[in-house]
Amino acid sequence: QVQLRESGGGWVQEGGSLRLSCAASGGIFSTSVMGWYRQAPGKQRELVATITSSGNTNYADSVKGRFTISRDNAKNTVYLQMNNLKPEDANVYYCKYNYGPWTYWGQGTQVTVSP
């Protein structure tokens, strides 16, 4: 059983920055694919960014150039650096772990951006 613990969410003014962290335990981290997703009330969960075990990254068009996903395999942790935040970035952010056929989600961390 993989457990994911997200942290770093909070309130920020438009144009500000936050860094989210997701610490994984109970699974094989170094060869996993990790991702960040977000979900607004009443909407589907959407991809924000993913990172493979080799460090290849993929971003949603809406966050390219503003968000950076990274990982530290020694700490079993994936990060999401969010810069120049906009009100439309306000969501619950979820960490996702994928290894082979197994997928696990964190419980989410709230990000609030005020104009």
C-alpha atoms as a PDB file:
ATOM      1  CA  GLN A   1       0.000   0.000   0.000  1.00  0.00           C
ATOM      2  CA  VAL A   2       1.453   3.311  -1.085  1.00  0.00           C
ATOM      3  CA  GLN A   3       0.755   6.380   0.990  1.00  0.00           C
ATOM      4  CA  LEU A   4       1.121   9.882  -0.392  1.00  0.00           C
ATOM      5  CA  ARG A   5       1.300  12.903   1.870  1.00  0.00           C
ATOM      6  CA  GLU A   6       0.904  16.279   0.213  1.00  0.00           C
ATOM      7  CA  SER A   7       1.880  19.573   1.769  1.00  0.00           C
ATOM      8  CA  GLY A   8       2.565  23.151   0.798  1.00  0.00           C
ATOM      9  CA  GLY A   9      -0.866  24.336  -0.181  1.00  0.00           C
ATOM     10  CA  GLY A  10      -2.302  27.556   1.137  1.00  0.00           C
ATOM     11  CA  TRP A  11      -3.340  31.058   0.264  1.00  0.00           C
ATOM     12  CA  VAL A  12      -1.416  33.369  -2.002  1.00  0.00           C
ATOM     13  CA  GLN A  13      -2.101  36.568  -3.872  1.00  0.00           C
ATOM     14  CA  GLU A  14      -2.210  36.618  -7.634  1.00  0.00           C
ATOM     15  CA  GLY A  15       1.311  36.588  -9.018  1.00  0.00           C
ATOM     16  CA  GLY A  16       2.688  34.809  -5.982  1.00  0.00           C
ATOM     17  CA  SER A  17       4.344  31.427  -5.644  1.00  0.00           C
ATOM     18  CA  LEU A  18       3.832  28.197  -3.765  1.00  0.00           C
ATOM     19  CA  ARG A  19       5.699  24.919  -3.698  1.00  0.00           C
ATOM     20  CA  LEU A  20       3.786  21.706  -3.200  1.00  0.00           C
ATOM     21  CA  SER A  21       5.448  18.552  -1.917  1.00  0.00           C
ATOM     22  CA  CYS A  22       4.296  14.961  -2.023  1.00  0.00           C
ATOM     23  CA  ALA A  23       6.134  12.399   0.060  1.00  0.00           C
ATOM     24  CA  ALA A  24       5.577   8.765  -0.860  1.00  0.00           C
ATOM     25  CA  SER A  25       5.972   5.754   1.375  1.00  0.00           C
ATOM     26  CA  GLY A  26       5.329   2.063   1.046  1.00  0.00           C
ATOM     27  CA  GLY A  27       6.164   1.679  -2.621  1.00  0.00           C
ATOM     28  CA  ILE A  28       8.912   1.749  -5.190  1.00  0.00           C
ATOM     29  CA  PHE A  29       9.454   5.415  -5.869  1.00  0.00           C
ATOM     30  CA  SER A  30      12.530   5.726  -8.047  1.00  0.00           C
ATOM     31  CA  THR A  31      10.991   3.960 -11.044  1.00  0.00           C
ATOM     32  CA  SER A  32       7.480   5.327 -10.638  1.00  0.00           C
ATOM     33  CA  VAL A  33       5.740   7.979 -12.672  1.00  0.00           C
ATOM     34  CA  MET A  34       4.588  10.814 -10.462  1.00  0.00           C
ATOM     35  CA  GLY A  35       2.117  13.507 -11.262  1.00  0.00           C
ATOM     36  CA  TRP A  36       0.176  16.461 -10.013  1.00  0.00           C
ATOM     37  CA  TYR A  37      -3.467  16.925 -10.874  1.00  0.00           C
ATOM     38  CA  ARG A  38      -6.039  19.464  -9.787  1.00  0.00           C
ATOM     39  CA  GLN A  39      -9.765  19.557  -9.412  1.00  0.00           C
ATOM     40  CA  ALA A  40     -12.208  22.398  -8.962  1.00  0.00           C
ATOM     41  CA  PRO A  41     -15.616  21.825  -7.393  1.00  0.00           C
ATOM     42  CA  GLY A  42     -17.989  20.253  -9.883  1.00  0.00           C
ATOM     43  CA  LYS A  43     -15.291  19.696 -12.466  1.00  0.00           C
ATOM     44  CA  GLN A  44     -13.219  16.756 -13.573  1.00  0.00           C
ATOM     45  CA  ARG A  45      -9.754  16.241 -12.235  1.00  0.00           C
ATOM     46  CA  GLU A  46      -7.214  17.506 -14.731  1.00  0.00           C
ATOM     47  CA  LEU A  47      -3.556  16.922 -15.382  1.00  0.00           C
ATOM     48  CA  VAL A  48      -1.140  19.590 -14.234  1.00  0.00           C
ATOM     49  CA  ALA A  49       2.228  17.917 -14.711  1.00  0.00           C
ATOM     50  CA  THR A  50       3.909  14.520 -14.707  1.00  0.00           C
ATOM     51  CA  ILE A  51       7.472  13.349 -14.334  1.00  0.00           C
ATOM     52  CA  THR A  52       8.902   9.961 -15.233  1.00  0.00           C
ATOM     53  CA  SER A  53      11.585   8.039 -13.407  1.00  0.00           C
ATOM     54  CA  SER A  54      14.168   9.417 -15.858  1.00  0.00           C
ATOM     55  CA  GLY A  55      13.036  12.980 -15.326  1.00  0.00           C
ATOM     56  CA  ASN A  56      10.997  13.525 -18.455  1.00  0.00           C
ATOM     57  CA  THR A  57       8.248  16.026 -17.772  1.00  0.00           C
ATOM     58  CA  ASN A  58       4.899  16.886 -19.269  1.00  0.00           C
ATOM     59  CA  TYR A  59       2.755  19.937 -18.504  1.00  0.00           C
ATOM     60  CA  ALA A  60      -0.730  21.167 -19.172  1.00  0.00           C
ATOM     61  CA  ASP A  61      -0.666  24.078 -21.589  1.00  0.00           C
ATOM     62  CA  SER A  62      -2.215  26.342 -18.985  1.00  0.00           C
ATOM     63  CA  VAL A  63       0.765  26.002 -16.632  1.00  0.00           C
ATOM     64  CA  LYS A  64       3.694  25.787 -19.039  1.00  0.00           C
ATOM     65  CA  GLY A  65       6.342  28.326 -18.205  1.00  0.00           C
ATOM     66  CA  ARG A  66       4.902  28.938 -14.727  1.00  0.00           C
ATOM     67  CA  PHE A  67       4.972  25.549 -12.989  1.00  0.00           C
ATOM     68  CA  THR A  68       7.878  23.144 -12.596  1.00  0.00           C
ATOM     69  CA  ILE A  69       7.632  19.537 -11.482  1.00  0.00           C
ATOM     70  CA  SER A  70      10.674  17.829 -10.002  1.00  0.00           C
ATOM     71  CA  ARG A  71      11.508  14.797  -7.912  1.00  0.00           C
ATOM     72  CA  ASP A  72      14.036  13.746  -5.327  1.00  0.00           C
ATOM     73  CA  ASN A  73      14.317   9.986  -5.377  1.00  0.00           C
ATOM     74  CA  ALA A  74      16.490   9.965  -2.271  1.00  0.00           C
ATOM     75  CA  LYS A  75      13.609  11.543  -0.357  1.00  0.00           C
ATOM     76  CA  ASN A  76      10.789   9.743  -2.198  1.00  0.00           C
ATOM     77  CA  THR A  77       9.320  13.151  -2.852  1.00  0.00           C
ATOM     78  CA  VAL A  78       7.901  14.977  -5.838  1.00  0.00           C
ATOM     79  CA  TYR A  79       7.522  18.739  -5.940  1.00  0.00           C
ATOM     80  CA  LEU A  80       5.481  21.258  -7.862  1.00  0.00           C
ATOM     81  CA  GLN A  81       6.880  24.771  -7.933  1.00  0.00           C
ATOM     82  CA  MET A  82       4.104  27.157  -8.910  1.00  0.00           C
ATOM     83  CA  ASN A  83       5.018  30.698  -9.914  1.00  0.00           C
ATOM     84  CA  ASN A  84       2.948  33.603 -11.178  1.00  0.00           C
ATOM     85  CA  LEU A  85      -0.190  32.044  -9.780  1.00  0.00           C
ATOM     86  CA  LYS A  86      -3.534  33.105 -11.197  1.00  0.00           C
ATOM     87  CA  PRO A  87      -7.014  32.918  -9.659  1.00  0.00           C
ATOM     88  CA  GLU A  88      -7.885  30.142 -12.103  1.00  0.00           C
ATOM     89  CA  ASP A  89      -5.096  28.029 -10.560  1.00  0.00           C
ATOM     90  CA  ALA A  90      -7.065  27.838  -7.325  1.00  0.00           C
ATOM     91  CA  ASN A  91      -8.019  24.189  -6.872  1.00  0.00           C
ATOM     92  CA  VAL A  92      -7.396  21.158  -4.786  1.00  0.00           C
ATOM     93  CA  TYR A  93      -4.115  19.667  -5.975  1.00  0.00           C
ATOM     94  CA  TYR A  94      -3.598  15.916  -5.883  1.00  0.00           C
ATOM     95  CA  CYS A  95      -0.444  13.884  -6.102  1.00  0.00           C
ATOM     96  CA  LYS A  96      -0.570  10.687  -8.144  1.00  0.00           C
ATOM     97  CA  TYR A  97       1.726   7.693  -8.013  1.00  0.00           C
ATOM     98  CA  ASN A  98       1.847   5.190 -10.826  1.00  0.00           C
ATOM     99  CA  TYR A  99       4.000   2.076 -10.941  1.00  0.00           C
ATOM    100  CA  GLY A 100       3.051  -0.593 -13.429  1.00  0.00           C
ATOM    101  CA  PRO A 101      -0.619  -1.444 -12.887  1.00  0.00           C
ATOM    102  CA  TRP A 102      -0.792   0.341  -9.544  1.00  0.00           C
ATOM    103  CA  THR A 103      -2.113   3.850  -9.097  1.00  0.00           C
ATOM    104  CA  TYR A 104      -2.496   5.747  -5.855  1.00  0.00           C
ATOM    105  CA  TRP A 105      -3.719   9.232  -5.070  1.00  0.00           C
ATOM    106  CA  GLY A 106      -3.006  11.566  -2.229  1.00  0.00           C
ATOM    107  CA  GLN A 107      -5.766  13.257  -0.297  1.00  0.00           C
ATOM    108  CA  GLY A 108      -5.173  16.636  -1.853  1.00  0.00           C
ATOM    109  CA  THR A 109      -4.006  20.041  -0.746  1.00  0.00           C
ATOM    110  CA  GLN A 110      -5.937  23.251  -1.253  1.00  0.00           C
ATOM    111  CA  VAL A 111      -4.464  26.154  -3.181  1.00  0.00           C
ATOM    112  CA  THR A 112      -6.261  29.484  -2.967  1.00  0.00           C
ATOM    113  CA  VAL A 113      -5.287  32.457  -5.134  1.00  0.00           C
ATOM    114  CA  SER A 114      -6.854  35.829  -4.502  1.00  0.00           C
ATOM    115  CA  PRO A 115      -6.944  38.586  -7.146  1.00  0.00           C
END
